[in-house]
Amino acid sequence: MGCVSGGDGYPAVMGSDLDGRFRPDAEVAGHLLALVFGHQYAELGRELSSLMAPPDTAPGRGSCYGGVLSWLTGAIADVAVARLGHATNGGSFVLEVRTAAGGSVDARQLPPRQARVGRAVLALLDGDPDAARVQLGAADREPDAEVRVTTLIEALTWLNALLDAPTPALPDPPPE
């Protein structure tokens, strides 16, 4: 499975819709998500290794890292809206981060390199794709392979958890 990204790798309006722009990235993201869902971690590790080529390398499979991350982030925002509905009357979404012990951490206090997915998702939910592109662009240019893989795993884990979370009946979509 391979990717080729166009332009800066990020569309003007991000989201998980498959109107053709995201197809290769969506296929790779979907494959990775299926591996997470199926607990196939050895295969996931091999697939992630092929995506972790540092930025500015020759085009190839690793060149789709930014597009895959962008697609996953857009899908997280889409699923959040599908599950929770849109923020209304000037409201906004809040990202609550918990430690393994259950303590709460102020998401604004997280180091930027460790909070790119969350900040990008919140920007999308707030209708600010430019701010999301800034976060995702920084992730795509990240030279540290460990930070790159952690960022992608964070997005995969978050999307998998959202898709698997029990929720009451989905809200009716608001009129457009």
C-alpha atoms as a PDB file:
ATOM      1  CA  MET A   1       0.000   0.000   0.000  1.00  0.00           C
ATOM      2  CA  GLY A   2       1.584   3.333  -0.979  1.00  0.00           C
ATOM      3  CA  CYS A   3       0.884   7.038  -0.916  1.00  0.00           C
ATOM      4  CA  VAL A   4       1.542  10.062  -3.005  1.00  0.00           C
ATOM      5  CA  SER A   5       0.635  13.424  -1.537  1.00  0.00           C
ATOM      6  CA  GLY A   6      -0.048  16.487  -3.599  1.00  0.00           C
ATOM      7  CA  GLY A   7       1.015  20.049  -2.902  1.00  0.00           C
ATOM      8  CA  ASP A   8       1.687  20.629   0.777  1.00  0.00           C
ATOM      9  CA  GLY A   9      -0.118  17.390   1.630  1.00  0.00           C
ATOM     10  CA  TYR A  10      -3.036  19.142   3.283  1.00  0.00           C
ATOM     11  CA  PRO A  11      -6.277  20.063   1.542  1.00  0.00           C
ATOM     12  CA  ALA A  12      -7.917  23.461   1.932  1.00  0.00           C
ATOM     13  CA  VAL A  13     -10.747  21.860   3.906  1.00  0.00           C
ATOM     14  CA  MET A  14      -9.631  18.892   5.941  1.00  0.00           C
ATOM     15  CA  GLY A  15     -11.888  15.984   6.714  1.00  0.00           C
ATOM     16  CA  SER A  16     -12.264  12.306   6.157  1.00  0.00           C
ATOM     17  CA  ASP A  17     -14.490  12.550   3.091  1.00  0.00           C
ATOM     18  CA  LEU A  18     -13.182  10.514   0.202  1.00  0.00           C
ATOM     19  CA  ASP A  19     -13.757  12.733  -2.779  1.00  0.00           C
ATOM     20  CA  GLY A  20     -10.562  11.457  -4.331  1.00  0.00           C
ATOM     21  CA  ARG A  21      -8.042  13.733  -2.646  1.00  0.00           C
ATOM     22  CA  PHE A  22      -7.510  11.464   0.341  1.00  0.00           C
ATOM     23  CA  ARG A  23      -7.801   8.030  -1.224  1.00  0.00           C
ATOM     24  CA  PRO A  24      -4.203   6.734  -0.852  1.00  0.00           C
ATOM     25  CA  ASP A  25      -3.824   8.329   2.586  1.00  0.00           C
ATOM     26  CA  ALA A  26      -7.231   7.012   3.648  1.00  0.00           C
ATOM     27  CA  GLU A  27      -6.361   3.505   2.482  1.00  0.00           C
ATOM     28  CA  VAL A  28      -3.141   3.484   4.483  1.00  0.00           C
ATOM     29  CA  ALA A  29      -4.857   5.048   7.520  1.00  0.00           C
ATOM     30  CA  GLY A  30      -7.696   2.529   7.291  1.00  0.00           C
ATOM     31  CA  HIS A  31      -5.228  -0.332   7.063  1.00  0.00           C
ATOM     32  CA  LEU A  32      -3.352   0.928  10.141  1.00  0.00           C
ATOM     33  CA  LEU A  33      -6.619   1.427  12.018  1.00  0.00           C
ATOM     34  CA  ALA A  34      -7.699  -2.131  11.172  1.00  0.00           C
ATOM     35  CA  LEU A  35      -4.401  -3.395  12.604  1.00  0.00           C
ATOM     36  CA  VAL A  36      -4.998  -1.446  15.837  1.00  0.00           C
ATOM     37  CA  PHE A  37      -8.588  -2.686  16.042  1.00  0.00           C
ATOM     38  CA  GLY A  38      -7.440  -6.271  15.461  1.00  0.00           C
ATOM     39  CA  HIS A  39      -4.595  -5.991  18.007  1.00  0.00           C
ATOM     40  CA  GLN A  40      -2.109  -6.958  15.286  1.00  0.00           C
ATOM     41  CA  TYR A  41       0.722  -5.006  16.834  1.00  0.00           C
ATOM     42  CA  ALA A  42       3.646  -6.806  15.185  1.00  0.00           C
ATOM     43  CA  GLU A  43       2.222  -6.015  11.741  1.00  0.00           C
ATOM     44  CA  LEU A  44       1.361  -2.473  12.888  1.00  0.00           C
ATOM     45  CA  GLY A  45       4.982  -2.007  13.956  1.00  0.00           C
ATOM     46  CA  ARG A  46       6.228  -3.088  10.539  1.00  0.00           C
ATOM     47  CA  GLU A  47       3.775  -0.778   8.776  1.00  0.00           C
ATOM     48  CA  LEU A  48       4.627   2.171  11.003  1.00  0.00           C
ATOM     49  CA  SER A  49       8.327   1.614  10.372  1.00  0.00           C
ATOM     50  CA  SER A  50       7.752   2.082   6.656  1.00  0.00           C
ATOM     51  CA  LEU A  51       5.972   5.384   7.327  1.00  0.00           C
ATOM     52  CA  MET A  52       8.601   6.799   9.653  1.00  0.00           C
ATOM     53  CA  ALA A  53      10.997   7.994   7.001  1.00  0.00           C
ATOM     54  CA  PRO A  54      12.248  11.376   8.176  1.00  0.00           C
ATOM     55  CA  PRO A  55      11.024  14.437   6.315  1.00  0.00           C
ATOM     56  CA  ASP A  56      12.891  15.536   3.205  1.00  0.00           C
ATOM     57  CA  THR A  57      13.674  12.002   2.076  1.00  0.00           C
ATOM     58  CA  ALA A  58      13.078  10.630  -1.383  1.00  0.00           C
ATOM     59  CA  PRO A  59       9.415  10.198  -2.312  1.00  0.00           C
ATOM     60  CA  GLY A  60       7.962   6.827  -1.467  1.00  0.00           C
ATOM     61  CA  ARG A  61       5.874   5.179   1.165  1.00  0.00           C
ATOM     62  CA  GLY A  62       7.251   7.375   3.943  1.00  0.00           C
ATOM     63  CA  SER A  63       6.169  10.471   2.053  1.00  0.00           C
ATOM     64  CA  CYS A  64       2.526   9.851   2.993  1.00  0.00           C
ATOM     65  CA  TYR A  65       3.053  10.294   6.753  1.00  0.00           C
ATOM     66  CA  GLY A  66       1.591  13.811   6.746  1.00  0.00           C
ATOM     67  CA  GLY A  67      -1.395  12.826   4.625  1.00  0.00           C
ATOM     68  CA  VAL A  68      -2.168   9.793   6.782  1.00  0.00           C
ATOM     69  CA  LEU A  69      -1.929  11.888   9.947  1.00  0.00           C
ATOM     70  CA  SER A  70      -4.114  14.571   8.354  1.00  0.00           C
ATOM     71  CA  TRP A  71      -6.739  12.005   7.368  1.00  0.00           C
ATOM     72  CA  LEU A  72      -6.748  10.420  10.841  1.00  0.00           C
ATOM     73  CA  THR A  73      -7.066  13.812  12.507  1.00  0.00           C
ATOM     74  CA  GLY A  74      -9.946  14.801  10.231  1.00  0.00           C
ATOM     75  CA  ALA A  75     -11.627  11.465  10.935  1.00  0.00           C
ATOM     76  CA  ILE A  76     -11.285  12.013  14.701  1.00  0.00           C
ATOM     77  CA  ALA A  77     -13.011  15.379  14.371  1.00  0.00           C
ATOM     78  CA  ASP A  78     -15.707  13.889  12.109  1.00  0.00           C
ATOM     79  CA  VAL A  79     -16.416  11.042  14.541  1.00  0.00           C
ATOM     80  CA  ALA A  80     -16.485  13.426  17.507  1.00  0.00           C
ATOM     81  CA  VAL A  81     -19.104  15.561  15.748  1.00  0.00           C
ATOM     82  CA  ALA A  82     -21.066  12.469  14.687  1.00  0.00           C
ATOM     83  CA  ARG A  83     -21.060  11.179  18.266  1.00  0.00           C
ATOM     84  CA  LEU A  84     -21.483  14.443  20.160  1.00  0.00           C
ATOM     85  CA  GLY A  85     -23.004  16.857  17.669  1.00  0.00           C
ATOM     86  CA  HIS A  86     -21.651  20.284  16.788  1.00  0.00           C
ATOM     87  CA  ALA A  87     -20.760  22.818  19.460  1.00  0.00           C
ATOM     88  CA  THR A  88     -23.643  25.277  19.665  1.00  0.00           C
ATOM     89  CA  ASN A  89     -24.211  28.881  20.674  1.00  0.00           C
ATOM     90  CA  GLY A  90     -20.587  29.930  20.836  1.00  0.00           C
ATOM     91  CA  GLY A  91     -19.605  26.765  22.707  1.00  0.00           C
ATOM     92  CA  SER A  92     -16.492  24.819  21.979  1.00  0.00           C
ATOM     93  CA  PHE A  93     -15.030  21.393  22.583  1.00  0.00           C
ATOM     94  CA  VAL A  94     -12.580  20.854  25.430  1.00  0.00           C
ATOM     95  CA  LEU A  95      -9.860  18.244  25.415  1.00  0.00           C
ATOM     96  CA  GLU A  96      -9.522  16.615  28.818  1.00  0.00           C
ATOM     97  CA  VAL A  97      -6.261  14.744  29.265  1.00  0.00           C
ATOM     98  CA  ARG A  98      -5.951  12.140  32.008  1.00  0.00           C
ATOM     99  CA  THR A  99      -2.884  10.470  33.401  1.00  0.00           C
ATOM    100  CA  ALA A 100      -2.671   6.699  33.778  1.00  0.00           C
ATOM    101  CA  ALA A 101      -3.565   7.233  37.448  1.00  0.00           C
ATOM    102  CA  GLY A 102      -6.714   9.133  36.457  1.00  0.00           C
ATOM    103  CA  GLY A 103      -5.500  12.627  37.303  1.00  0.00           C
ATOM    104  CA  SER A 104      -6.424  15.514  35.033  1.00  0.00           C
ATOM    105  CA  VAL A 105      -3.822  17.443  33.050  1.00  0.00           C
ATOM    106  CA  ASP A 106      -4.459  20.832  31.467  1.00  0.00           C
ATOM    107  CA  ALA A 107      -4.118  20.113  27.735  1.00  0.00           C
ATOM    108  CA  ARG A 108      -2.722  23.635  27.186  1.00  0.00           C
ATOM    109  CA  GLN A 109       0.224  22.716  29.435  1.00  0.00           C
ATOM    110  CA  LEU A 110       1.335  19.748  27.318  1.00  0.00           C
ATOM    111  CA  PRO A 111       4.547  20.254  25.350  1.00  0.00           C
ATOM    112  CA  PRO A 112       3.722  21.180  21.735  1.00  0.00           C
ATOM    113  CA  ARG A 113       5.388  18.065  20.300  1.00  0.00           C
ATOM    114  CA  GLN A 114       3.194  15.841  22.477  1.00  0.00           C
ATOM    115  CA  ALA A 115      -0.098  17.603  21.810  1.00  0.00           C
ATOM    116  CA  ARG A 116      -0.195  18.108  18.037  1.00  0.00           C
ATOM    117  CA  VAL A 117      -3.031  15.659  17.365  1.00  0.00           C
ATOM    118  CA  GLY A 118      -5.203  17.087  20.132  1.00  0.00           C
ATOM    119  CA  ARG A 119      -4.555  20.675  19.095  1.00  0.00           C
ATOM    120  CA  ALA A 120      -5.226  19.856  15.434  1.00  0.00           C
ATOM    121  CA  VAL A 121      -8.501  18.096  16.296  1.00  0.00           C
ATOM    122  CA  LEU A 122      -9.641  20.976  18.504  1.00  0.00           C
ATOM    123  CA  ALA A 123      -8.790  23.424  15.719  1.00  0.00           C
ATOM    124  CA  LEU A 124     -10.882  21.412  13.251  1.00  0.00           C
ATOM    125  CA  LEU A 125     -13.762  21.237  15.719  1.00  0.00           C
ATOM    126  CA  ASP A 126     -13.492  25.015  16.135  1.00  0.00           C
ATOM    127  CA  GLY A 127     -13.649  25.472  12.357  1.00  0.00           C
ATOM    128  CA  ASP A 128     -10.024  26.570  12.023  1.00  0.00           C
ATOM    129  CA  PRO A 129      -8.366  24.291   9.433  1.00  0.00           C
ATOM    130  CA  ASP A 130      -5.415  26.695   9.140  1.00  0.00           C
ATOM    131  CA  ALA A 131      -4.502  26.154  12.799  1.00  0.00           C
ATOM    132  CA  ALA A 132      -4.872  22.398  12.279  1.00  0.00           C
ATOM    133  CA  ARG A 133      -2.533  22.568   9.281  1.00  0.00           C
ATOM    134  CA  VAL A 134       0.078  24.347  11.416  1.00  0.00           C
ATOM    135  CA  GLN A 135       0.029  21.511  13.961  1.00  0.00           C
ATOM    136  CA  LEU A 136       0.009  18.776  11.321  1.00  0.00           C
ATOM    137  CA  GLY A 137       2.712  20.490   9.274  1.00  0.00           C
ATOM    138  CA  ALA A 138       4.938  20.629  12.348  1.00  0.00           C
ATOM    139  CA  ALA A 139       4.305  16.921  12.938  1.00  0.00           C
ATOM    140  CA  ASP A 140       5.135  16.122   9.305  1.00  0.00           C
ATOM    141  CA  ARG A 141       8.424  18.058   9.506  1.00  0.00           C
ATOM    142  CA  GLU A 142       9.389  16.528  12.877  1.00  0.00           C
ATOM    143  CA  PRO A 143      12.872  15.022  12.527  1.00  0.00           C
ATOM    144  CA  ASP A 144      12.632  12.799  15.635  1.00  0.00           C
ATOM    145  CA  ALA A 145      11.326   9.367  14.535  1.00  0.00           C
ATOM    146  CA  GLU A 146      10.117   8.550  18.052  1.00  0.00           C
ATOM    147  CA  VAL A 147       7.971  11.694  18.177  1.00  0.00           C
ATOM    148  CA  ARG A 148       6.668  10.963  14.648  1.00  0.00           C
ATOM    149  CA  VAL A 149       5.600   7.412  15.494  1.00  0.00           C
ATOM    150  CA  THR A 150       4.131   8.463  18.850  1.00  0.00           C
ATOM    151  CA  THR A 151       2.070  11.142  17.116  1.00  0.00           C
ATOM    152  CA  LEU A 152       0.697   8.647  14.602  1.00  0.00           C
ATOM    153  CA  ILE A 153      -0.015   6.059  17.313  1.00  0.00           C
ATOM    154  CA  GLU A 154      -1.829   8.726  19.326  1.00  0.00           C
ATOM    155  CA  ALA A 155      -4.087   9.516  16.374  1.00  0.00           C
ATOM    156  CA  LEU A 156      -4.738   5.827  15.662  1.00  0.00           C
ATOM    157  CA  THR A 157      -5.487   5.065  19.317  1.00  0.00           C
ATOM    158  CA  TRP A 158      -7.783   8.035  19.694  1.00  0.00           C
ATOM    159  CA  LEU A 159      -9.761   7.247  16.539  1.00  0.00           C
ATOM    160  CA  ASN A 160     -10.017   3.556  17.440  1.00  0.00           C
ATOM    161  CA  ALA A 161     -11.294   4.457  20.933  1.00  0.00           C
ATOM    162  CA  LEU A 162     -13.855   6.907  19.541  1.00  0.00           C
ATOM    163  CA  LEU A 163     -15.149   4.381  17.035  1.00  0.00           C
ATOM    164  CA  ASP A 164     -15.360   1.708  19.729  1.00  0.00           C
ATOM    165  CA  ALA A 165     -16.891   3.888  22.470  1.00  0.00           C
ATOM    166  CA  PRO A 166     -20.448   3.022  23.472  1.00  0.00           C
ATOM    167  CA  THR A 167     -22.726   5.976  22.910  1.00  0.00           C
ATOM    168  CA  PRO A 168     -26.451   6.517  23.003  1.00  0.00           C
ATOM    169  CA  ALA A 169     -28.239   6.984  19.707  1.00  0.00           C
ATOM    170  CA  LEU A 170     -26.250   9.322  17.474  1.00  0.00           C
ATOM    171  CA  PRO A 171     -27.583  12.868  17.337  1.00  0.00           C
ATOM    172  CA  ASP A 172     -29.458  13.941  14.258  1.00  0.00           C
ATOM    173  CA  PRO A 173     -27.190  15.930  11.984  1.00  0.00           C
ATOM    174  CA  PRO A 174     -27.908  19.649  12.202  1.00  0.00           C
ATOM    175  CA  PRO A 175     -29.396  21.314   9.136  1.00  0.00           C
ATOM    176  CA  GLU A 176     -26.741  22.733   6.850  1.00  0.00           C
END
